[in-house]
Amino acid sequence: MMTGPFDRTGRVAVVTSANSGIGLGMARLVAVGAKIAVVGRGARKNQAAAANVAEPDGQAMAMEVDVVQEDDCLRQGQRPLRQARQALSHQPFY
């Protein structure tokens, strides 16, 4: 078990734009011990990123949301947070 400044054991992290680039890097960084919700625009890329960042015994899920589009965020509302919490755990969000 890893300890230190990047250990997120027992936490749930929702990472936006996490299917490539800096977002994917951040998802990998917070994946240490955490359960990850990968949020981005591309469903296939989200699935691949979720599989990539999950630790061997960890959990990750993919969610398709375009956080740049206000209408999409308003339409989605709190759904991504509720879904991630229900699917992954009842731990506090980071």
Protein backbone atom coordinates (compact mmCIF):
# COMPACT_ATOMS: atom_id res chain seq x y z
CA MET A 1 0.00 0.00 0.00
CA MET A 2 1.36 3.40 -0.97
CA THR A 3 1.46 6.26 1.48
CA GLY A 4 2.50 9.83 1.04
CA PRO A 5 1.20 13.00 -0.56
CA PHE A 6 -0.46 11.23 -3.51
CA ASP A 7 -2.13 8.41 -1.57
CA ARG A 8 -5.91 8.70 -2.02
CA THR A 9 -6.89 5.44 -0.31
CA GLY A 10 -10.60 5.29 0.43
CA ARG A 11 -11.47 8.33 -1.72
CA VAL A 12 -13.54 8.76 -4.86
CA ALA A 13 -12.14 11.13 -7.49
CA VAL A 14 -14.13 12.58 -10.38
CA VAL A 15 -11.64 13.72 -13.03
CA THR A 16 -12.88 15.74 -16.00
CA SER A 17 -11.24 15.62 -19.44
CA ALA A 18 -9.55 12.48 -18.18
CA ASN A 19 -9.51 10.48 -21.39
CA SER A 20 -6.30 12.05 -22.78
CA GLY A 21 -3.49 14.51 -22.18
CA ILE A 22 -3.23 16.38 -18.89
CA GLY A 23 -6.59 15.07 -17.67
CA LEU A 24 -5.44 11.48 -18.13
CA GLY A 25 -2.22 12.30 -16.32
CA MET A 26 -4.18 13.76 -13.42
CA ALA A 27 -6.43 10.69 -13.32
CA ARG A 28 -3.34 8.46 -13.10
CA LEU A 29 -1.95 10.66 -10.33
CA VAL A 30 -5.07 10.52 -8.17
CA ALA A 31 -5.65 6.83 -8.94
CA VAL A 32 -3.24 5.84 -6.17
CA GLY A 33 -5.68 4.13 -3.82
CA ALA A 34 -8.73 6.03 -5.11
CA LYS A 35 -11.76 4.96 -7.05
CA ILE A 36 -11.90 7.02 -10.24
CA ALA A 37 -14.75 8.41 -12.35
CA VAL A 38 -13.29 9.32 -15.76
CA VAL A 39 -15.44 12.11 -17.24
CA GLY A 40 -15.02 13.29 -20.82
CA ARG A 41 -16.71 13.74 -24.19
CA GLY A 42 -15.80 10.45 -25.89
CA ALA A 43 -17.42 7.30 -24.56
CA ARG A 44 -14.84 4.91 -26.10
CA LYS A 45 -11.88 7.01 -24.98
CA ASN A 46 -13.41 7.29 -21.50
CA GLN A 47 -13.73 3.50 -21.27
CA ALA A 48 -10.13 2.98 -22.39
CA ALA A 49 -8.87 5.62 -19.94
CA ALA A 50 -10.87 4.13 -17.06
CA ALA A 51 -9.32 0.71 -17.77
CA ASN A 52 -5.90 2.35 -17.98
CA VAL A 53 -5.98 4.26 -14.69
CA ALA A 54 -7.62 1.62 -12.48
CA GLU A 55 -5.19 -0.10 -10.18
CA PRO A 56 -5.16 -3.90 -10.47
CA ASP A 57 -7.50 -4.17 -7.49
CA GLY A 58 -9.03 -0.70 -7.81
CA GLN A 59 -12.14 0.59 -9.50
CA ALA A 60 -12.83 3.09 -12.25
CA MET A 61 -15.85 4.06 -14.28
CA ALA A 62 -16.36 6.10 -17.44
CA MET A 63 -18.95 8.85 -17.86
CA GLU A 64 -19.70 10.81 -21.02
CA VAL A 65 -20.20 14.52 -20.21
CA ASP A 66 -18.98 17.60 -22.10
CA VAL A 67 -18.06 19.93 -19.24
CA VAL A 68 -17.24 22.76 -21.67
CA GLN A 69 -20.87 22.97 -22.82
CA GLU A 70 -23.01 24.70 -20.21
CA ASP A 71 -26.18 23.07 -21.58
CA ASP A 72 -24.67 19.60 -21.20
CA CYS A 73 -23.59 20.36 -17.63
CA LEU A 74 -27.02 21.75 -16.75
CA ARG A 75 -28.77 18.80 -18.41
CA GLN A 76 -26.51 16.34 -16.61
CA GLY A 77 -26.76 18.24 -13.33
CA GLN A 78 -25.40 16.30 -10.40
CA ARG A 79 -25.87 12.95 -12.19
CA PRO A 80 -22.15 12.27 -12.67
CA LEU A 81 -21.44 12.83 -8.98
CA ARG A 82 -24.41 10.75 -7.83
CA GLN A 83 -23.63 7.93 -10.27
CA ALA A 84 -19.97 7.84 -9.33
CA ARG A 85 -20.77 7.83 -5.64
CA GLN A 86 -23.33 5.03 -6.01
CA ALA A 87 -21.21 2.95 -8.35
CA LEU A 88 -17.85 3.34 -6.67
CA SER A 89 -18.43 3.98 -2.97
CA HIS A 90 -19.96 6.27 -0.41
CA GLN A 91 -16.68 7.98 0.42
CA PRO A 92 -16.32 11.78 0.27
CA PHE A 93 -15.35 13.29 -3.06
CA TYR A 94 -12.03 14.99 -3.54
